[in-house]
Amino acid sequence: MTKSAEFRIAAVQAAPVYLDLDATLDKACRLIDEAAQGGAQLVVFPEAFISGYPVWVWFIPSGKTHPLRDLYTRLHRSAVSIPGPAIDRLCEAAGRAKVAVAIGVNERNSEASDSTLFNSLVYIGADGRLLGRHRKFVPTAGERLVWGQGDGSDLEVYPLPFARVGGLLCWENYMPLARYTLTAWGEQVHVAPTWDRGEPWISSMRHIAKEGRCFVVGVCQAFHIDHVPDELEFKGEYLGGIDGWVNPGLSVIVDPDGKLVAGPLEAEEGILYADVEPHQLVGPKWQLDAAGHYARPDVFELRFHRRPTPFIQVVDEEEEDPEAEAV
């Protein structure tokens, strides 16, 4: 897909109103409007922005059942169903502003128990339509105490009016086959919402941009100790040694040559912008096209399994195989 018009990307480095769904949705909608007024056609938010990253997993030992249950309950209360009313609000905001949005959320498994959470990346079109969502394949280390694992059914590259957009969450970006799959589907803008920051993360963003010859949006929360409500007991018990920024953010936007074109933005909330010329989505691949002339399908082969793995499958009696039943 070759486009003929320049477009602008916005990376929103911000913190949610921690574990407060309604207030965080209000903030997200305001930031969508602000980015649109700044000329953006694509607005990208951090990982787990709705309604908070479970920072406690890096501080509370896994055997501390009761505080972990309480915090999980609070996170679940501030999570979303897809589709659902919270997503509708985001879609309405994107449609009003006429911008595409990629945003990290905590998602309930509403199709089954409604109690397991996923770290999900939601895509919304500039017309306000929900395009899809991707559940993180592998939560990292302590995150496994909070989030379930996604499957291959929802990994996708979306053909937006200005470019083909896809993405991976945080350390999914260190999964070479996942990256290659998106590259092979023609990804031109790669969104990488994350909780990671600094080096070597920024170097990774630069590598992924140069490898895929795409723009990369590495966007993180700028999260201060004051963003954690005092009412949460773990703040005093486990975060007492932190004075200031729990995460300084350090969001970046990188061009297809691996060069930083915006950021890193450190220890403050704000919006980074980058303008993209159509020739930048094609020209760099003259030298290196990982899913084109560099692919060597006669030597290497990748098989991607898109099949879903539902929690429950209901088979009506008339659908059962009579021969299998006889056996």
C-alpha atoms as a PDB file:
ATOM      1  CA  MET A   1       0.000   0.000   0.000  1.00  0.00           C
ATOM      2  CA  THR A   2       1.642   3.217  -1.188  1.00  0.00           C
ATOM      3  CA  LYS A   3       0.259   6.461   0.199  1.00  0.00           C
ATOM      4  CA  SER A   4       0.697   9.958  -1.149  1.00  0.00           C
ATOM      5  CA  ALA A   5       0.082  12.203   1.864  1.00  0.00           C
ATOM      6  CA  GLU A   6       2.199  13.089   4.876  1.00  0.00           C
ATOM      7  CA  PHE A   7       0.735  12.085   8.237  1.00  0.00           C
ATOM      8  CA  ARG A   8       1.552  12.644  11.903  1.00  0.00           C
ATOM      9  CA  ILE A   9       2.006  10.145  14.747  1.00  0.00           C
ATOM     10  CA  ALA A  10       1.460  11.044  18.407  1.00  0.00           C
ATOM     11  CA  ALA A  11       2.938   9.091  21.326  1.00  0.00           C
ATOM     12  CA  VAL A  12       1.088   9.914  24.557  1.00  0.00           C
ATOM     13  CA  GLN A  13       3.368   9.562  27.577  1.00  0.00           C
ATOM     14  CA  ALA A  14       0.956   9.797  30.494  1.00  0.00           C
ATOM     15  CA  ALA A  15      -0.171   8.021  33.638  1.00  0.00           C
ATOM     16  CA  PRO A  16      -3.710   6.804  34.234  1.00  0.00           C
ATOM     17  CA  VAL A  17      -5.799   7.833  37.195  1.00  0.00           C
ATOM     18  CA  TYR A  18      -4.634   4.736  38.978  1.00  0.00           C
ATOM     19  CA  LEU A  19      -7.230   1.944  39.198  1.00  0.00           C
ATOM     20  CA  ASP A  20     -10.054   4.408  38.476  1.00  0.00           C
ATOM     21  CA  LEU A  21     -11.771   3.431  35.223  1.00  0.00           C
ATOM     22  CA  ASP A  22     -14.092   6.401  34.744  1.00  0.00           C
ATOM     23  CA  ALA A  23     -11.463   9.014  35.562  1.00  0.00           C
ATOM     24  CA  THR A  24      -8.889   7.303  33.337  1.00  0.00           C
ATOM     25  CA  LEU A  25     -11.351   7.174  30.443  1.00  0.00           C
ATOM     26  CA  ASP A  26     -11.981  10.902  30.901  1.00  0.00           C
ATOM     27  CA  LYS A  27      -8.227  11.533  30.779  1.00  0.00           C
ATOM     28  CA  ALA A  28      -7.758   9.314  27.712  1.00  0.00           C
ATOM     29  CA  CYS A  29     -10.515  11.145  25.842  1.00  0.00           C
ATOM     30  CA  ARG A  30      -8.958  14.524  26.699  1.00  0.00           C
ATOM     31  CA  LEU A  31      -5.571  13.337  25.470  1.00  0.00           C
ATOM     32  CA  ILE A  32      -7.078  12.005  22.233  1.00  0.00           C
ATOM     33  CA  ASP A  33      -8.563  15.462  21.625  1.00  0.00           C
ATOM     34  CA  GLU A  34      -5.256  17.156  22.466  1.00  0.00           C
ATOM     35  CA  ALA A  35      -3.292  14.935  20.098  1.00  0.00           C
ATOM     36  CA  ALA A  36      -5.836  15.506  17.334  1.00  0.00           C
ATOM     37  CA  GLN A  37      -5.533  19.271  17.830  1.00  0.00           C
ATOM     38  CA  GLY A  38      -1.780  18.756  17.468  1.00  0.00           C
ATOM     39  CA  GLY A  39      -2.387  17.361  13.990  1.00  0.00           C
ATOM     40  CA  ALA A  40      -2.046  13.629  14.703  1.00  0.00           C
ATOM     41  CA  GLN A  41      -3.735  10.956  12.573  1.00  0.00           C
ATOM     42  CA  LEU A  42      -2.545   8.112  14.846  1.00  0.00           C
ATOM     43  CA  VAL A  43      -2.492   8.395  18.642  1.00  0.00           C
ATOM     44  CA  VAL A  44      -0.665   5.728  20.656  1.00  0.00           C
ATOM     45  CA  PHE A  45      -1.014   5.207  24.418  1.00  0.00           C
ATOM     46  CA  PRO A  46       1.133   3.139  26.833  1.00  0.00           C
ATOM     47  CA  GLU A  47       0.713  -0.447  27.926  1.00  0.00           C
ATOM     48  CA  ALA A  48      -2.120  -1.042  30.452  1.00  0.00           C
ATOM     49  CA  PHE A  49      -3.121   2.624  30.357  1.00  0.00           C
ATOM     50  CA  ILE A  50      -6.721   1.609  31.125  1.00  0.00           C
ATOM     51  CA  SER A  51      -6.615   1.645  34.128  1.00  0.00           C
ATOM     52  CA  GLY A  52      -3.115   1.049  35.414  1.00  0.00           C
ATOM     53  CA  TYR A  53      -0.049  -1.161  35.216  1.00  0.00           C
ATOM     54  CA  PRO A  54       0.158  -3.654  38.142  1.00  0.00           C
ATOM     55  CA  VAL A  55       3.398  -2.178  39.431  1.00  0.00           C
ATOM     56  CA  TRP A  56       3.060  -4.181  42.664  1.00  0.00           C
ATOM     57  CA  VAL A  57       4.134  -7.405  40.915  1.00  0.00           C
ATOM     58  CA  TRP A  58       7.741  -6.179  41.090  1.00  0.00           C
ATOM     59  CA  PHE A  59       7.560  -5.402  44.818  1.00  0.00           C
ATOM     60  CA  ILE A  60       5.175  -7.767  46.633  1.00  0.00           C
ATOM     61  CA  PRO A  61       6.428 -11.376  47.072  1.00  0.00           C
ATOM     62  CA  SER A  62       4.234 -13.934  45.297  1.00  0.00           C
ATOM     63  CA  GLY A  63       3.367 -15.683  48.570  1.00  0.00           C
ATOM     64  CA  LYS A  64       1.629 -12.617  50.011  1.00  0.00           C
ATOM     65  CA  THR A  65      -1.808 -13.879  49.013  1.00  0.00           C
ATOM     66  CA  HIS A  66      -4.107 -11.402  50.722  1.00  0.00           C
ATOM     67  CA  PRO A  67      -2.588  -8.112  49.496  1.00  0.00           C
ATOM     68  CA  LEU A  68      -2.243  -9.602  46.005  1.00  0.00           C
ATOM     69  CA  ARG A  69      -5.895 -10.673  46.001  1.00  0.00           C
ATOM     70  CA  ASP A  70      -7.019  -7.222  47.068  1.00  0.00           C
ATOM     71  CA  LEU A  71      -4.992  -5.461  44.394  1.00  0.00           C
ATOM     72  CA  TYR A  72      -6.124  -7.928  41.712  1.00  0.00           C
ATOM     73  CA  THR A  73      -9.735  -7.263  42.686  1.00  0.00           C
ATOM     74  CA  ARG A  74      -9.154  -3.518  42.332  1.00  0.00           C
ATOM     75  CA  LEU A  75      -7.449  -3.974  38.966  1.00  0.00           C
ATOM     76  CA  HIS A  76     -10.288  -6.227  37.787  1.00  0.00           C
ATOM     77  CA  ARG A  77     -12.823  -3.578  38.845  1.00  0.00           C
ATOM     78  CA  SER A  78     -11.026  -0.995  36.686  1.00  0.00           C
ATOM     79  CA  ALA A  79     -10.618  -3.339  33.689  1.00  0.00           C
ATOM     80  CA  VAL A  80     -12.734  -3.410  30.518  1.00  0.00           C
ATOM     81  CA  SER A  81     -14.724  -5.848  28.428  1.00  0.00           C
ATOM     82  CA  ILE A  82     -14.241  -5.857  24.655  1.00  0.00           C
ATOM     83  CA  PRO A  83     -16.669  -4.867  23.294  1.00  0.00           C
ATOM     84  CA  GLY A  84     -18.192  -2.908  26.135  1.00  0.00           C
ATOM     85  CA  PRO A  85     -19.189   0.555  27.418  1.00  0.00           C
ATOM     86  CA  ALA A  86     -15.632   1.672  28.203  1.00  0.00           C
ATOM     87  CA  ILE A  87     -14.425   0.805  24.704  1.00  0.00           C
ATOM     88  CA  ASP A  88     -17.493   2.579  23.289  1.00  0.00           C
ATOM     89  CA  ARG A  89     -16.375   5.779  25.051  1.00  0.00           C
ATOM     90  CA  LEU A  90     -12.917   5.539  23.503  1.00  0.00           C
ATOM     91  CA  CYS A  91     -14.413   4.833  20.081  1.00  0.00           C
ATOM     92  CA  GLU A  92     -16.675   7.875  20.381  1.00  0.00           C
ATOM     93  CA  ALA A  93     -13.695  10.052  21.317  1.00  0.00           C
ATOM     94  CA  ALA A  94     -11.643   8.775  18.370  1.00  0.00           C
ATOM     95  CA  GLY A  95     -14.567   9.284  15.994  1.00  0.00           C
ATOM     96  CA  ARG A  96     -15.182  12.850  17.198  1.00  0.00           C
ATOM     97  CA  ALA A  97     -11.510  13.706  16.851  1.00  0.00           C
ATOM     98  CA  LYS A  98     -11.180  11.781  13.555  1.00  0.00           C
ATOM     99  CA  VAL A  99      -7.998  10.013  14.654  1.00  0.00           C
ATOM    100  CA  ALA A 100      -6.965   6.367  14.854  1.00  0.00           C
ATOM    101  CA  VAL A 101      -6.023   5.167  18.336  1.00  0.00           C
ATOM    102  CA  ALA A 102      -3.923   2.319  19.719  1.00  0.00           C
ATOM    103  CA  ILE A 103      -4.247   1.980  23.498  1.00  0.00           C
ATOM    104  CA  GLY A 104      -3.210  -0.523  26.156  1.00  0.00           C
ATOM    105  CA  VAL A 105      -5.931  -1.866  28.458  1.00  0.00           C
ATOM    106  CA  ASN A 106      -6.532  -4.446  31.151  1.00  0.00           C
ATOM    107  CA  GLU A 107      -9.168  -6.705  29.587  1.00  0.00           C
ATOM    108  CA  ARG A 108     -11.504  -9.171  31.300  1.00  0.00           C
ATOM    109  CA  ASN A 109     -12.123 -12.577  29.719  1.00  0.00           C
ATOM    110  CA  SER A 110     -15.790 -11.677  29.391  1.00  0.00           C
ATOM    111  CA  GLU A 111     -16.371 -14.562  26.995  1.00  0.00           C
ATOM    112  CA  ALA A 112     -15.881 -17.033  29.839  1.00  0.00           C
ATOM    113  CA  SER A 113     -15.344 -16.615  33.605  1.00  0.00           C
ATOM    114  CA  ASP A 114     -15.020 -12.791  33.457  1.00  0.00           C
ATOM    115  CA  SER A 115     -12.340 -13.100  36.146  1.00  0.00           C
ATOM    116  CA  THR A 116      -9.055 -13.594  34.279  1.00  0.00           C
ATOM    117  CA  LEU A 117      -7.333 -10.463  32.975  1.00  0.00           C
ATOM    118  CA  PHE A 118      -5.345  -9.927  29.809  1.00  0.00           C
ATOM    119  CA  ASN A 119      -2.860  -7.234  28.886  1.00  0.00           C
ATOM    120  CA  SER A 120      -4.442  -6.124  25.609  1.00  0.00           C
ATOM    121  CA  LEU A 121      -3.764  -3.641  22.828  1.00  0.00           C
ATOM    122  CA  VAL A 122      -6.906  -2.082  21.340  1.00  0.00           C
ATOM    123  CA  TYR A 123      -7.082  -0.544  17.853  1.00  0.00           C
ATOM    124  CA  ILE A 124      -9.733   2.033  16.931  1.00  0.00           C
ATOM    125  CA  GLY A 125     -10.263   3.632  13.519  1.00  0.00           C
ATOM    126  CA  ALA A 126     -10.656   7.335  12.822  1.00  0.00           C
ATOM    127  CA  ASP A 127     -14.329   6.662  12.077  1.00  0.00           C
ATOM    128  CA  GLY A 128     -14.817   5.475  15.655  1.00  0.00           C
ATOM    129  CA  ARG A 129     -15.006   1.760  14.802  1.00  0.00           C
ATOM    130  CA  LEU A 130     -13.356  -0.855  16.982  1.00  0.00           C
ATOM    131  CA  LEU A 131     -10.889  -2.503  14.602  1.00  0.00           C
ATOM    132  CA  GLY A 132      -9.663  -5.236  16.922  1.00  0.00           C
ATOM    133  CA  ARG A 133      -7.536  -6.094  19.916  1.00  0.00           C
ATOM    134  CA  HIS A 134      -4.451  -8.173  20.623  1.00  0.00           C
ATOM    135  CA  ARG A 135      -3.903 -10.014  23.901  1.00  0.00           C
ATOM    136  CA  LYS A 136      -0.257 -10.149  24.962  1.00  0.00           C
ATOM    137  CA  PHE A 137       1.246 -13.542  24.151  1.00  0.00           C
ATOM    138  CA  VAL A 138       3.502 -13.890  27.179  1.00  0.00           C
ATOM    139  CA  PRO A 139       3.340 -11.742  30.325  1.00  0.00           C
ATOM    140  CA  THR A 140       6.850 -11.225  31.668  1.00  0.00           C
ATOM    141  CA  ALA A 141       8.075 -12.578  35.017  1.00  0.00           C
ATOM    142  CA  GLY A 142       5.925 -11.126  37.825  1.00  0.00           C
ATOM    143  CA  GLU A 143       3.253 -10.078  35.311  1.00  0.00           C
ATOM    144  CA  ARG A 144       2.280 -13.748  35.049  1.00  0.00           C
ATOM    145  CA  LEU A 145       0.687 -13.403  38.493  1.00  0.00           C
ATOM    146  CA  VAL A 146      -1.829 -10.978  36.961  1.00  0.00           C
ATOM    147  CA  TRP A 147      -2.358 -11.601  33.228  1.00  0.00           C
ATOM    148  CA  GLY A 148      -3.261 -14.664  31.191  1.00  0.00           C
ATOM    149  CA  GLN A 149      -1.671 -15.609  27.852  1.00  0.00           C
ATOM    150  CA  GLY A 150      -3.174 -14.595  24.530  1.00  0.00           C
ATOM    151  CA  ASP A 151      -3.291 -16.704  21.363  1.00  0.00           C
ATOM    152  CA  GLY A 152      -2.626 -16.145  17.669  1.00  0.00           C
ATOM    153  CA  SER A 153      -6.200 -15.392  16.683  1.00  0.00           C
ATOM    154  CA  ASP A 154      -5.957 -11.636  17.195  1.00  0.00           C
ATOM    155  CA  LEU A 155      -2.508 -10.661  15.897  1.00  0.00           C
ATOM    156  CA  GLU A 156      -3.123  -8.370  12.962  1.00  0.00           C
ATOM    157  CA  VAL A 157      -1.878  -5.505  10.799  1.00  0.00           C
ATOM    158  CA  TYR A 158      -4.572  -2.922  10.070  1.00  0.00           C
ATOM    159  CA  PRO A 159      -4.690  -1.088   6.709  1.00  0.00           C
ATOM    160  CA  LEU A 160      -5.468   2.448   7.875  1.00  0.00           C
ATOM    161  CA  PRO A 161      -5.920   5.254   5.323  1.00  0.00           C
ATOM    162  CA  PHE A 162      -2.346   6.495   5.823  1.00  0.00           C
ATOM    163  CA  ALA A 163      -0.356   3.296   6.541  1.00  0.00           C
ATOM    164  CA  ARG A 164      -0.518  -0.332   7.670  1.00  0.00           C
ATOM    165  CA  VAL A 165      -0.356  -0.359  11.465  1.00  0.00           C
ATOM    166  CA  GLY A 166       0.388  -3.246  13.832  1.00  0.00           C
ATOM    167  CA  GLY A 167       2.097  -3.742  17.152  1.00  0.00           C
ATOM    168  CA  LEU A 168       3.315  -5.789  20.068  1.00  0.00           C
ATOM    169  CA  LEU A 169       3.240  -5.143  23.803  1.00  0.00           C
ATOM    170  CA  CYS A 170       6.429  -4.569  25.789  1.00  0.00           C
ATOM    171  CA  TRP A 171       8.675  -7.666  25.741  1.00  0.00           C
ATOM    172  CA  GLU A 172       6.616  -9.338  23.024  1.00  0.00           C
ATOM    173  CA  ASN A 173       8.863  -7.143  20.930  1.00  0.00           C
ATOM    174  CA  TYR A 174      11.706  -9.524  21.802  1.00  0.00           C
ATOM    175  CA  MET A 175       9.876 -12.392  20.057  1.00  0.00           C
ATOM    176  CA  PRO A 176      11.567 -12.511  16.612  1.00  0.00           C
ATOM    177  CA  LEU A 177       8.880 -14.628  14.958  1.00  0.00           C
ATOM    178  CA  ALA A 178       6.107 -12.305  16.157  1.00  0.00           C
ATOM    179  CA  ARG A 179       7.988  -9.333  14.724  1.00  0.00           C
ATOM    180  CA  TYR A 180       8.608 -11.148  11.454  1.00  0.00           C
ATOM    181  CA  THR A 181       4.925 -12.060  11.133  1.00  0.00           C
ATOM    182  CA  LEU A 182       3.942  -8.396  11.292  1.00  0.00           C
ATOM    183  CA  THR A 183       6.713  -7.484   8.851  1.00  0.00           C
ATOM    184  CA  ALA A 184       5.526 -10.168   6.437  1.00  0.00           C
ATOM    185  CA  TRP A 185       2.021  -8.695   6.591  1.00  0.00           C
ATOM    186  CA  GLY A 186       3.422  -5.377   5.406  1.00  0.00           C
ATOM    187  CA  GLU A 187       3.512  -3.415   8.656  1.00  0.00           C
ATOM    188  CA  GLN A 188       4.628   0.193   8.110  1.00  0.00           C
ATOM    189  CA  VAL A 189       4.027   1.677  11.574  1.00  0.00           C
ATOM    190  CA  HIS A 190       4.822  -0.538  14.558  1.00  0.00           C
ATOM    191  CA  VAL A 191       3.363   0.475  17.914  1.00  0.00           C
ATOM    192  CA  ALA A 192       5.152  -0.793  21.034  1.00  0.00           C
ATOM    193  CA  PRO A 193       3.271   0.236  24.192  1.00  0.00           C
ATOM    194  CA  THR A 194       5.402  -0.726  27.158  1.00  0.00           C
ATOM    195  CA  TRP A 195       6.338  -0.451  30.820  1.00  0.00           C
ATOM    196  CA  ASP A 196      10.042  -0.780  29.924  1.00  0.00           C
ATOM    197  CA  ARG A 197      12.285   2.249  29.484  1.00  0.00           C
ATOM    198  CA  GLY A 198      15.865   3.397  29.034  1.00  0.00           C
ATOM    199  CA  GLU A 199      18.638   1.259  27.637  1.00  0.00           C
ATOM    200  CA  PRO A 200      18.596  -1.320  26.164  1.00  0.00           C
ATOM    201  CA  TRP A 201      14.901  -0.739  25.415  1.00  0.00           C
ATOM    202  CA  ILE A 202      15.529   2.344  23.284  1.00  0.00           C
ATOM    203  CA  SER A 203      18.210   0.445  21.369  1.00  0.00           C
ATOM    204  CA  SER A 204      15.657  -2.317  20.811  1.00  0.00           C
ATOM    205  CA  MET A 205      13.179   0.180  19.386  1.00  0.00           C
ATOM    206  CA  ARG A 206      15.865   1.422  17.010  1.00  0.00           C
ATOM    207  CA  HIS A 207      16.775  -2.122  15.987  1.00  0.00           C
ATOM    208  CA  ILE A 208      13.128  -3.085  15.334  1.00  0.00           C
ATOM    209  CA  ALA A 209      12.639   0.036  13.213  1.00  0.00           C
ATOM    210  CA  LYS A 210      15.706  -0.674  11.108  1.00  0.00           C
ATOM    211  CA  GLU A 211      14.991  -4.405  10.847  1.00  0.00           C
ATOM    212  CA  GLY A 212      11.382  -3.884   9.752  1.00  0.00           C
ATOM    213  CA  ARG A 213      12.091  -0.634   7.886  1.00  0.00           C
ATOM    214  CA  CYS A 214       9.085   0.863   9.662  1.00  0.00           C
ATOM    215  CA  PHE A 215       8.306   3.658  12.083  1.00  0.00           C
ATOM    216  CA  VAL A 216       8.287   2.449  15.692  1.00  0.00           C
ATOM    217  CA  VAL A 217       6.336   4.129  18.494  1.00  0.00           C
ATOM    218  CA  GLY A 218       7.768   3.036  21.852  1.00  0.00           C
ATOM    219  CA  VAL A 219       5.430   4.653  24.361  1.00  0.00           C
ATOM    220  CA  CYS A 220       5.562   4.242  28.134  1.00  0.00           C
ATOM    221  CA  GLN A 221       3.818   5.668  31.180  1.00  0.00           C
ATOM    222  CA  ALA A 222       5.528   8.450  33.087  1.00  0.00           C
ATOM    223  CA  PHE A 223       4.483   7.180  36.491  1.00  0.00           C
ATOM    224  CA  HIS A 224       5.206   9.032  39.738  1.00  0.00           C
ATOM    225  CA  ILE A 225       4.892   7.681  43.259  1.00  0.00           C
ATOM    226  CA  ASP A 226       2.172  10.298  43.799  1.00  0.00           C
ATOM    227  CA  HIS A 227       0.070   8.587  41.128  1.00  0.00           C
ATOM    228  CA  VAL A 228      -0.493   5.693  43.562  1.00  0.00           C
ATOM    229  CA  PRO A 229      -3.395   6.556  45.904  1.00  0.00           C
ATOM    230  CA  ASP A 230      -2.403   6.744  49.571  1.00  0.00           C
ATOM    231  CA  GLU A 231      -5.305   4.452  50.439  1.00  0.00           C
ATOM    232  CA  LEU A 232      -3.503   1.507  48.846  1.00  0.00           C
ATOM    233  CA  GLU A 233      -1.612  -0.125  51.696  1.00  0.00           C
ATOM    234  CA  PHE A 234       1.123  -1.519  49.454  1.00  0.00           C
ATOM    235  CA  LYS A 235       2.269   2.045  48.714  1.00  0.00           C
ATOM    236  CA  GLY A 236       3.552   2.560  52.246  1.00  0.00           C
ATOM    237  CA  GLU A 237       4.563  -1.027  52.900  1.00  0.00           C
ATOM    238  CA  TYR A 238       6.417  -1.807  49.672  1.00  0.00           C
ATOM    239  CA  LEU A 239       7.055   1.490  47.840  1.00  0.00           C
ATOM    240  CA  GLY A 240       8.294   3.480  50.821  1.00  0.00           C
ATOM    241  CA  GLY A 241      11.833   3.633  49.457  1.00  0.00           C
ATOM    242  CA  ILE A 242      10.759   5.306  46.216  1.00  0.00           C
ATOM    243  CA  ASP A 243      10.871   9.086  46.118  1.00  0.00           C
ATOM    244  CA  GLY A 244       9.775  10.504  42.799  1.00  0.00           C
ATOM    245  CA  TRP A 245       9.357   8.692  39.503  1.00  0.00           C
ATOM    246  CA  VAL A 246       8.589   4.979  39.622  1.00  0.00           C
ATOM    247  CA  ASN A 247       8.961   5.014  35.838  1.00  0.00           C
ATOM    248  CA  PRO A 248      10.384   8.061  34.002  1.00  0.00           C
ATOM    249  CA  GLY A 249       8.761   7.052  30.705  1.00  0.00           C
ATOM    250  CA  LEU A 250      11.450   7.744  28.082  1.00  0.00           C
ATOM    251  CA  SER A 251       9.037   7.296  25.171  1.00  0.00           C
ATOM    252  CA  VAL A 252      10.442   7.538  21.642  1.00  0.00           C
ATOM    253  CA  ILE A 253       9.456   7.557  17.994  1.00  0.00           C
ATOM    254  CA  VAL A 254      11.986   6.024  15.591  1.00  0.00           C
ATOM    255  CA  ASP A 255      12.201   6.217  11.799  1.00  0.00           C
ATOM    256  CA  PRO A 256      12.897   3.283   9.406  1.00  0.00           C
ATOM    257  CA  ASP A 257      16.631   4.039   9.471  1.00  0.00           C
ATOM    258  CA  GLY A 258      16.685   3.475  13.234  1.00  0.00           C
ATOM    259  CA  LYS A 259      17.068   7.155  14.066  1.00  0.00           C
ATOM    260  CA  LEU A 260      15.222   8.855  16.916  1.00  0.00           C
ATOM    261  CA  VAL A 261      12.869  11.482  15.508  1.00  0.00           C
ATOM    262  CA  ALA A 262      11.088  12.273  18.800  1.00  0.00           C
ATOM    263  CA  GLY A 263      12.086  11.760  22.425  1.00  0.00           C
ATOM    264  CA  PRO A 264      13.115  10.309  24.696  1.00  0.00           C
ATOM    265  CA  LEU A 265      10.737  12.243  26.938  1.00  0.00           C
ATOM    266  CA  GLU A 266      11.888  11.841  30.535  1.00  0.00           C
ATOM    267  CA  ALA A 267      10.121  12.272  33.885  1.00  0.00           C
ATOM    268  CA  GLU A 268       7.135  14.214  32.609  1.00  0.00           C
ATOM    269  CA  GLU A 269       3.793  13.658  30.996  1.00  0.00           C
ATOM    270  CA  GLY A 270       3.481  14.909  27.452  1.00  0.00           C
ATOM    271  CA  ILE A 271       2.880  14.068  23.803  1.00  0.00           C
ATOM    272  CA  LEU A 272       5.608  13.362  21.249  1.00  0.00           C
ATOM    273  CA  TYR A 273       4.890  14.008  17.556  1.00  0.00           C
ATOM    274  CA  ALA A 274       6.563  12.790  14.390  1.00  0.00           C
ATOM    275  CA  ASP A 275       5.698  13.537  10.761  1.00  0.00           C
ATOM    276  CA  VAL A 276       5.926  10.717   8.234  1.00  0.00           C
ATOM    277  CA  GLU A 277       6.569  11.231   4.526  1.00  0.00           C
ATOM    278  CA  PRO A 278       5.167   8.492   2.244  1.00  0.00           C
ATOM    279  CA  HIS A 279       8.558   7.819   0.670  1.00  0.00           C
ATOM    280  CA  GLN A 280       9.899   6.846   4.100  1.00  0.00           C
ATOM    281  CA  LEU A 281       7.594   3.817   4.135  1.00  0.00           C
ATOM    282  CA  VAL A 282       9.042   2.413   0.907  1.00  0.00           C
ATOM    283  CA  GLY A 283      12.489   3.806   0.091  1.00  0.00           C
ATOM    284  CA  PRO A 284      14.430   2.194   2.971  1.00  0.00           C
ATOM    285  CA  LYS A 285      13.250  -1.256   1.844  1.00  0.00           C
ATOM    286  CA  TRP A 286      15.268  -0.905  -1.339  1.00  0.00           C
ATOM    287  CA  GLN A 287      18.275  -1.896   0.777  1.00  0.00           C
ATOM    288  CA  LEU A 288      16.617  -4.268   3.246  1.00  0.00           C
ATOM    289  CA  ASP A 289      13.187  -5.890   3.020  1.00  0.00           C
ATOM    290  CA  ALA A 290      13.057  -8.628   5.667  1.00  0.00           C
ATOM    291  CA  ALA A 291       9.873 -10.127   4.226  1.00  0.00           C
ATOM    292  CA  GLY A 292      10.829  -9.416   0.618  1.00  0.00           C
ATOM    293  CA  HIS A 293      14.169  -9.870  -1.109  1.00  0.00           C
ATOM    294  CA  TYR A 294      15.874 -10.635   2.240  1.00  0.00           C
ATOM    295  CA  ALA A 295      13.379 -13.329   3.234  1.00  0.00           C
ATOM    296  CA  ARG A 296      14.817 -16.377   1.392  1.00  0.00           C
ATOM    297  CA  PRO A 297      11.677 -18.560   1.648  1.00  0.00           C
ATOM    298  CA  ASP A 298      13.624 -21.307  -0.116  1.00  0.00           C
ATOM    299  CA  VAL A 299      15.771 -21.553   3.033  1.00  0.00           C
ATOM    300  CA  PHE A 300      13.552 -20.376   5.912  1.00  0.00           C
ATOM    301  CA  GLU A 301       9.874 -21.008   6.582  1.00  0.00           C
ATOM    302  CA  LEU A 302       7.526 -19.535   9.221  1.00  0.00           C
ATOM    303  CA  ARG A 303       4.115 -21.060   9.990  1.00  0.00           C
ATOM    304  CA  PHE A 304       1.699 -18.901  11.956  1.00  0.00           C
ATOM    305  CA  HIS A 305      -1.279 -20.515  13.726  1.00  0.00           C
ATOM    306  CA  ARG A 306      -4.174 -18.093  13.824  1.00  0.00           C
ATOM    307  CA  ARG A 307      -6.646 -20.541  15.385  1.00  0.00           C
ATOM    308  CA  PRO A 308      -8.312 -19.340  18.593  1.00  0.00           C
ATOM    309  CA  THR A 309      -8.137 -21.296  21.851  1.00  0.00           C
ATOM    310  CA  PRO A 310     -11.498 -20.578  23.537  1.00  0.00           C
ATOM    311  CA  PHE A 311     -12.078 -21.284  27.211  1.00  0.00           C
ATOM    312  CA  ILE A 312     -15.191 -23.302  26.411  1.00  0.00           C
ATOM    313  CA  GLN A 313     -16.642 -24.887  23.288  1.00  0.00           C
ATOM    314  CA  VAL A 314     -20.318 -25.797  23.292  1.00  0.00           C
ATOM    315  CA  VAL A 315     -21.294 -28.643  20.941  1.00  0.00           C
ATOM    316  CA  ASP A 316     -24.993 -29.226  20.383  1.00  0.00           C
ATOM    317  CA  GLU A 317     -26.126 -32.869  20.238  1.00  0.00           C
ATOM    318  CA  GLU A 318     -27.103 -32.653  16.572  1.00  0.00           C
ATOM    319  CA  GLU A 319     -23.581 -31.463  15.731  1.00  0.00           C
ATOM    320  CA  GLU A 320     -21.901 -34.508  17.243  1.00  0.00           C
ATOM    321  CA  ASP A 321     -20.377 -37.120  14.971  1.00  0.00           C
ATOM    322  CA  PRO A 322     -22.706 -40.166  15.050  1.00  0.00           C
ATOM    323  CA  GLU A 323     -19.843 -42.529  14.256  1.00  0.00           C
ATOM    324  CA  ALA A 324     -17.756 -41.178  17.103  1.00  0.00           C
ATOM    325  CA  GLU A 325     -20.788 -41.476  19.390  1.00  0.00           C
ATOM    326  CA  ALA A 326     -21.257 -45.126  18.373  1.00  0.00           C
ATOM    327  CA  VAL A 327     -17.651 -45.868  19.209  1.00  0.00           C
END
